[in-house]
Amino acid sequence: MIKEKPRRSKESMGTTKLKRNSGRSKGH
């Protein structure tokens, strides 16, 4: 459970960063 917790957090952050990067690239 502890191992999955950080993994989910990392995946969530990565998705947010990827989504933000995509939006910025499209906006540009």
C-alpha atoms as a PDB file:
ATOM      1  CA  MET A   1       0.000   0.000   0.000  1.00  0.00           C
ATOM      2  CA  ILE A   2       2.799   2.414   0.877  1.00  0.00           C
ATOM      3  CA  LYS A   3       4.581   1.529  -2.353  1.00  0.00           C
ATOM      4  CA  GLU A   4       1.442   2.077  -4.417  1.00  0.00           C
ATOM      5  CA  LYS A   5       0.741   5.426  -2.722  1.00  0.00           C
ATOM      6  CA  PRO A   6       3.888   7.187  -4.027  1.00  0.00           C
ATOM      7  CA  ARG A   7       3.514   5.446  -7.381  1.00  0.00           C
ATOM      8  CA  ARG A   8       0.003   6.862  -7.835  1.00  0.00           C
ATOM      9  CA  SER A   9       1.149  10.302  -6.728  1.00  0.00           C
ATOM     10  CA  LYS A  10       4.012  10.205  -9.224  1.00  0.00           C
ATOM     11  CA  GLU A  11       1.695   9.083 -12.019  1.00  0.00           C
ATOM     12  CA  SER A  12      -0.797  11.800 -11.112  1.00  0.00           C
ATOM     13  CA  MET A  13       1.915  14.459 -11.163  1.00  0.00           C
ATOM     14  CA  GLY A  14       3.302  13.150 -14.439  1.00  0.00           C
ATOM     15  CA  THR A  15      -0.144  13.288 -16.031  1.00  0.00           C
ATOM     16  CA  THR A  16      -0.679  16.840 -14.813  1.00  0.00           C
ATOM     17  CA  LYS A  17       2.722  17.908 -16.088  1.00  0.00           C
ATOM     18  CA  LEU A  18       2.143  16.178 -19.419  1.00  0.00           C
ATOM     19  CA  LYS A  19      -1.300  17.746 -19.754  1.00  0.00           C
ATOM     20  CA  ARG A  20       0.083  21.190 -18.863  1.00  0.00           C
ATOM     21  CA  ASN A  21       2.957  20.774 -21.308  1.00  0.00           C
ATOM     22  CA  SER A  22       0.565  19.695 -24.053  1.00  0.00           C
ATOM     23  CA  GLY A  23      -1.672  22.720 -23.420  1.00  0.00           C
ATOM     24  CA  ARG A  24       1.321  25.054 -23.472  1.00  0.00           C
ATOM     25  CA  SER A  25       2.649  23.515 -26.684  1.00  0.00           C
ATOM     26  CA  LYS A  26      -0.781  23.786 -28.334  1.00  0.00           C
ATOM     27  CA  GLY A  27      -1.239  27.362 -27.114  1.00  0.00           C
ATOM     28  CA  HIS A  28       2.142  28.285 -28.504  1.00  0.00           C
END
